[in-house]
Amino acid sequence: MSLRERKQKPAGPFLPGDDGDDDGPKRPKVDRPDTRELMRRMKRVDKDQSKRYRQRTGQ
């Protein structure tokens, strides 16, 4: 079969959230995490924890 004998399907526009293949597995619809919640949780992280861990383990 040469390339000239191959039939091509008409290509439609690619839309966001559209995987382009109707038969394959779909991308799950997942909400983005709230950035305010993430920043609030990051503020609770101890900045000197890695230094104390290195002293405790002898590194």
PDB file of N, CA and C in Angstrom:
ATOM      1  N   MET A   1       0.851  -1.173   0.000  1.00  0.00           N
ATOM      2  CA  MET A   1       0.000   0.000   0.000  1.00  0.00           C
ATOM      3  C   MET A   1       0.896   1.235   0.000  1.00  0.00           C
ATOM      4  N   SER A   2       0.753   2.047  -0.972  1.00  0.00           N
ATOM      5  CA  SER A   2       1.551   3.266  -1.038  1.00  0.00           C
ATOM      6  C   SER A   2       0.811   4.404  -0.335  1.00  0.00           C
ATOM      7  N   LEU A   3       1.489   5.495  -0.169  1.00  0.00           N
ATOM      8  CA  LEU A   3       0.886   6.631   0.526  1.00  0.00           C
ATOM      9  C   LEU A   3      -0.246   7.256  -0.278  1.00  0.00           C
ATOM     10  N   ARG A   4      -0.196   7.139  -1.575  1.00  0.00           N
ATOM     11  CA  ARG A   4      -1.240   7.753  -2.400  1.00  0.00           C
ATOM     12  C   ARG A   4      -2.558   6.994  -2.314  1.00  0.00           C
ATOM     13  N   GLU A   5      -2.512   5.741  -1.920  1.00  0.00           N
ATOM     14  CA  GLU A   5      -3.730   4.945  -1.800  1.00  0.00           C
ATOM     15  C   GLU A   5      -4.421   5.125  -0.449  1.00  0.00           C
ATOM     16  N   ARG A   6      -3.723   5.713   0.510  1.00  0.00           N
ATOM     17  CA  ARG A   6      -4.267   5.866   1.858  1.00  0.00           C
ATOM     18  C   ARG A   6      -5.358   6.932   1.876  1.00  0.00           C
ATOM     19  N   LYS A   7      -6.456   6.621   2.548  1.00  0.00           N
ATOM     20  CA  LYS A   7      -7.548   7.578   2.697  1.00  0.00           C
ATOM     21  C   LYS A   7      -7.344   8.346   3.993  1.00  0.00           C
ATOM     22  N   GLN A   8      -7.573   9.629   3.957  1.00  0.00           N
ATOM     23  CA  GLN A   8      -7.422  10.453   5.150  1.00  0.00           C
ATOM     24  C   GLN A   8      -8.789  10.902   5.637  1.00  0.00           C
ATOM     25  N   LYS A   9      -8.945  10.878   6.952  1.00  0.00           N
ATOM     26  CA  LYS A   9     -10.172  11.375   7.559  1.00  0.00           C
ATOM     27  C   LYS A   9     -10.078  12.893   7.666  1.00  0.00           C
ATOM     28  N   PRO A  10     -11.190  13.584   7.583  1.00  0.00           N
ATOM     29  CA  PRO A  10     -11.139  15.033   7.812  1.00  0.00           C
ATOM     30  C   PRO A  10     -10.849  15.307   9.287  1.00  0.00           C
ATOM     31  N   ALA A  11      -9.893  16.177   9.538  1.00  0.00           N
ATOM     32  CA  ALA A  11      -9.494  16.490  10.911  1.00  0.00           C
ATOM     33  C   ALA A  11     -10.322  17.654  11.425  1.00  0.00           C
ATOM     34  N   GLY A  12     -10.916  17.467  12.599  1.00  0.00           N
ATOM     35  CA  GLY A  12     -11.706  18.528  13.213  1.00  0.00           C
ATOM     36  C   GLY A  12     -10.829  19.375  14.120  1.00  0.00           C
ATOM     37  N   PRO A  13     -11.344  20.477  14.609  1.00  0.00           N
ATOM     38  CA  PRO A  13     -10.554  21.320  15.518  1.00  0.00           C
ATOM     39  C   PRO A  13     -10.338  20.616  16.850  1.00  0.00           C
ATOM     40  N   PHE A  14      -9.179  20.842  17.434  1.00  0.00           N
ATOM     41  CA  PHE A  14      -8.839  20.258  18.728  1.00  0.00           C
ATOM     42  C   PHE A  14      -9.312  21.210  19.815  1.00  0.00           C
ATOM     43  N   LEU A  15     -10.255  20.758  20.619  1.00  0.00           N
ATOM     44  CA  LEU A  15     -10.809  21.584  21.682  1.00  0.00           C
ATOM     45  C   LEU A  15     -10.180  21.219  23.017  1.00  0.00           C
ATOM     46  N   PRO A  16     -10.074  22.164  23.955  1.00  0.00           N
ATOM     47  CA  PRO A  16      -9.544  21.832  25.282  1.00  0.00           C
ATOM     48  C   PRO A  16     -10.418  20.790  25.966  1.00  0.00           C
ATOM     49  N   GLY A  17      -9.783  19.790  26.543  1.00  0.00           N
ATOM     50  CA  GLY A  17     -10.518  18.718  27.205  1.00  0.00           C
ATOM     51  C   GLY A  17     -10.920  17.616  26.259  1.00  0.00           C
ATOM     52  N   ASP A  18     -10.670  17.785  24.982  1.00  0.00           N
ATOM     53  CA  ASP A  18     -11.007  16.776  23.985  1.00  0.00           C
ATOM     54  C   ASP A  18      -9.737  16.012  23.656  1.00  0.00           C
ATOM     55  N   ASP A  19      -9.765  14.716  23.855  1.00  0.00           N
ATOM     56  CA  ASP A  19      -8.582  13.913  23.581  1.00  0.00           C
ATOM     57  C   ASP A  19      -8.452  13.568  22.109  1.00  0.00           C
ATOM     58  N   GLY A  20      -9.455  13.831  21.325  1.00  0.00           N
ATOM     59  CA  GLY A  20      -9.389  13.583  19.911  1.00  0.00           C
ATOM     60  C   GLY A  20      -9.778  12.174  19.518  1.00  0.00           C
ATOM     61  N   ASP A  21      -9.732  11.225  20.428  1.00  0.00           N
ATOM     62  CA  ASP A  21     -10.072   9.841  20.126  1.00  0.00           C
ATOM     63  C   ASP A  21     -11.289   9.460  20.959  1.00  0.00           C
ATOM     64  N   ASP A  22     -12.393   9.173  20.295  1.00  0.00           N
ATOM     65  CA  ASP A  22     -13.625   8.865  21.020  1.00  0.00           C
ATOM     66  C   ASP A  22     -13.625   7.463  21.606  1.00  0.00           C
ATOM     67  N   ASP A  23     -12.770   6.577  21.100  1.00  0.00           N
ATOM     68  CA  ASP A  23     -12.783   5.190  21.547  1.00  0.00           C
ATOM     69  C   ASP A  23     -11.838   4.931  22.717  1.00  0.00           C
ATOM     70  N   GLY A  24     -10.872   5.775  22.945  1.00  0.00           N
ATOM     71  CA  GLY A  24      -9.853   5.524  23.955  1.00  0.00           C
ATOM     72  C   GLY A  24     -10.273   5.980  25.338  1.00  0.00           C
ATOM     73  N   PRO A  25      -9.399   5.782  26.316  1.00  0.00           N
ATOM     74  CA  PRO A  25      -9.693   6.217  27.683  1.00  0.00           C
ATOM     75  C   PRO A  25      -9.751   7.740  27.757  1.00  0.00           C
ATOM     76  N   LYS A  26     -10.561   8.229  28.641  1.00  0.00           N
ATOM     77  CA  LYS A  26     -10.775   9.667  28.774  1.00  0.00           C
ATOM     78  C   LYS A  26      -9.957  10.226  29.929  1.00  0.00           C
ATOM     79  N   ARG A  27      -9.639  11.486  29.812  1.00  0.00           N
ATOM     80  CA  ARG A  27      -8.942  12.193  30.878  1.00  0.00           C
ATOM     81  C   ARG A  27      -9.943  12.486  31.992  1.00  0.00           C
ATOM     82  N   PRO A  28      -9.623  12.192  33.262  1.00  0.00           N
ATOM     83  CA  PRO A  28     -10.592  12.445  34.331  1.00  0.00           C
ATOM     84  C   PRO A  28     -10.804  13.939  34.541  1.00  0.00           C
ATOM     85  N   LYS A  29     -12.022  14.297  34.870  1.00  0.00           N
ATOM     86  CA  LYS A  29     -12.357  15.692  35.159  1.00  0.00           C
ATOM     87  C   LYS A  29     -12.005  15.955  36.618  1.00  0.00           C
ATOM     88  N   VAL A  30     -10.884  16.631  36.849  1.00  0.00           N
ATOM     89  CA  VAL A  30     -10.398  16.891  38.194  1.00  0.00           C
ATOM     90  C   VAL A  30     -10.316  18.395  38.388  1.00  0.00           C
ATOM     91  N   ASP A  31     -10.864  18.878  39.493  1.00  0.00           N
ATOM     92  CA  ASP A  31     -10.786  20.301  39.793  1.00  0.00           C
ATOM     93  C   ASP A  31      -9.377  20.651  40.242  1.00  0.00           C
ATOM     94  N   ARG A  32      -8.934  21.830  39.871  1.00  0.00           N
ATOM     95  CA  ARG A  32      -7.618  22.284  40.307  1.00  0.00           C
ATOM     96  C   ARG A  32      -7.647  22.560  41.807  1.00  0.00           C
ATOM     97  N   PRO A  33      -6.566  22.278  42.520  1.00  0.00           N
ATOM     98  CA  PRO A  33      -6.557  22.556  43.959  1.00  0.00           C
ATOM     99  C   PRO A  33      -6.576  24.060  44.213  1.00  0.00           C
ATOM    100  N   ASP A  34      -7.138  24.420  45.343  1.00  0.00           N
ATOM    101  CA  ASP A  34      -7.215  25.823  45.723  1.00  0.00           C
ATOM    102  C   ASP A  34      -5.825  26.300  46.126  1.00  0.00           C
ATOM    103  N   THR A  35      -5.304  27.326  45.463  1.00  0.00           N
ATOM    104  CA  THR A  35      -3.945  27.791  45.759  1.00  0.00           C
ATOM    105  C   THR A  35      -3.864  28.445  47.129  1.00  0.00           C
ATOM    106  N   ARG A  36      -4.968  29.020  47.587  1.00  0.00           N
ATOM    107  CA  ARG A  36      -4.936  29.626  48.930  1.00  0.00           C
ATOM    108  C   ARG A  36      -4.745  28.555  49.996  1.00  0.00           C
ATOM    109  N   GLU A  37      -5.392  27.406  49.807  1.00  0.00           N
ATOM    110  CA  GLU A  37      -5.239  26.305  50.762  1.00  0.00           C
ATOM    111  C   GLU A  37      -3.802  25.787  50.740  1.00  0.00           C
ATOM    112  N   LEU A  38      -3.218  25.691  49.559  1.00  0.00           N
ATOM    113  CA  LEU A  38      -1.841  25.221  49.434  1.00  0.00           C
ATOM    114  C   LEU A  38      -0.876  26.179  50.125  1.00  0.00           C
ATOM    115  N   MET A  39      -1.046  27.474  49.915  1.00  0.00           N
ATOM    116  CA  MET A  39      -0.163  28.452  50.552  1.00  0.00           C
ATOM    117  C   MET A  39      -0.325  28.429  52.069  1.00  0.00           C
ATOM    118  N   ARG A  40      -1.542  28.221  52.547  1.00  0.00           N
ATOM    119  CA  ARG A  40      -1.762  28.151  53.998  1.00  0.00           C
ATOM    120  C   ARG A  40      -1.043  26.946  54.584  1.00  0.00           C
ATOM    121  N   ARG A  41      -1.091  25.811  53.871  1.00  0.00           N
ATOM    122  CA  ARG A  41      -0.411  24.618  54.362  1.00  0.00           C
ATOM    123  C   ARG A  41       1.099  24.772  54.292  1.00  0.00           C
ATOM    124  N   MET A  42       1.603  25.477  53.293  1.00  0.00           N
ATOM    125  CA  MET A  42       3.050  25.653  53.168  1.00  0.00           C
ATOM    126  C   MET A  42       3.605  26.547  54.266  1.00  0.00           C
ATOM    127  N   LYS A  43       2.792  27.459  54.782  1.00  0.00           N
ATOM    128  CA  LYS A  43       3.260  28.334  55.852  1.00  0.00           C
ATOM    129  C   LYS A  43       3.525  27.557  57.132  1.00  0.00           C
ATOM    130  N   ARG A  44       2.892  26.402  57.277  1.00  0.00           N
ATOM    131  CA  ARG A  44       3.083  25.602  58.490  1.00  0.00           C
ATOM    132  C   ARG A  44       4.355  24.766  58.439  1.00  0.00           C
ATOM    133  N   VAL A  45       5.041  24.720  57.302  1.00  0.00           N
ATOM    134  CA  VAL A  45       6.247  23.910  57.168  1.00  0.00           C
ATOM    135  C   VAL A  45       7.377  24.585  57.927  1.00  0.00           C
ATOM    136  N   ASP A  46       8.111  23.799  58.705  1.00  0.00           N
ATOM    137  CA  ASP A  46       9.239  24.315  59.472  1.00  0.00           C
ATOM    138  C   ASP A  46      10.446  24.436  58.549  1.00  0.00           C
ATOM    139  N   LYS A  47      10.982  25.642  58.423  1.00  0.00           N
ATOM    140  CA  LYS A  47      12.100  25.881  57.511  1.00  0.00           C
ATOM    141  C   LYS A  47      13.395  25.230  57.986  1.00  0.00           C
ATOM    142  N   ASP A  48      13.557  25.045  59.292  1.00  0.00           N
ATOM    143  CA  ASP A  48      14.794  24.483  59.839  1.00  0.00           C
ATOM    144  C   ASP A  48      14.703  22.981  60.062  1.00  0.00           C
ATOM    145  N   GLN A  49      13.666  22.343  59.587  1.00  0.00           N
ATOM    146  CA  GLN A  49      13.491  20.913  59.812  1.00  0.00           C
ATOM    147  C   GLN A  49      14.613  20.110  59.168  1.00  0.00           C
ATOM    148  N   SER A  50      15.060  20.505  57.983  1.00  0.00           N
ATOM    149  CA  SER A  50      16.112  19.746  57.307  1.00  0.00           C
ATOM    150  C   SER A  50      17.427  19.837  58.072  1.00  0.00           C
ATOM    151  N   LYS A  51      17.710  20.990  58.677  1.00  0.00           N
ATOM    152  CA  LYS A  51      18.949  21.132  59.461  1.00  0.00           C
ATOM    153  C   LYS A  51      18.909  20.224  60.687  1.00  0.00           C
ATOM    154  N   ARG A  52      17.772  20.203  61.379  1.00  0.00           N
ATOM    155  CA  ARG A  52      17.663  19.348  62.564  1.00  0.00           C
ATOM    156  C   ARG A  52      17.739  17.874  62.179  1.00  0.00           C
ATOM    157  N   TYR A  53      17.160  17.513  61.048  1.00  0.00           N
ATOM    158  CA  TYR A  53      17.209  16.120  60.602  1.00  0.00           C
ATOM    159  C   TYR A  53      18.649  15.716  60.303  1.00  0.00           C
ATOM    160  N   ARG A  54      19.412  16.589  59.666  1.00  0.00           N
ATOM    161  CA  ARG A  54      20.809  16.262  59.361  1.00  0.00           C
ATOM    162  C   ARG A  54      21.614  16.094  60.641  1.00  0.00           C
ATOM    163  N   GLN A  55      21.362  16.924  61.647  1.00  0.00           N
ATOM    164  CA  GLN A  55      22.082  16.792  62.911  1.00  0.00           C
ATOM    165  C   GLN A  55      21.702  15.498  63.613  1.00  0.00           C
ATOM    166  N   ARG A  56      20.438  15.120  63.542  1.00  0.00           N
ATOM    167  CA  ARG A  56      19.966  13.926  64.232  1.00  0.00           C
ATOM    168  C   ARG A  56      20.517  12.666  63.575  1.00  0.00           C
ATOM    169  N   THR A  57      20.635  12.660  62.257  1.00  0.00           N
ATOM    170  CA  THR A  57      21.102  11.465  61.562  1.00  0.00           C
ATOM    171  C   THR A  57      22.611  11.438  61.414  1.00  0.00           C
ATOM    172  N   GLY A  58      23.289  12.517  61.776  1.00  0.00           N
ATOM    173  CA  GLY A  58      24.739  12.530  61.698  1.00  0.00           C
ATOM    174  C   GLY A  58      25.272  12.874  60.317  1.00  0.00           C
ATOM    175  N   GLN A  59      24.477  13.475  59.498  1.00  0.00           N
ATOM    176  CA  GLN A  59      24.962  13.855  58.162  1.00  0.00           C
ATOM    177  C   GLN A  59      25.545  15.239  58.180  1.00  0.00           C
TER     178      GLN A  59
END
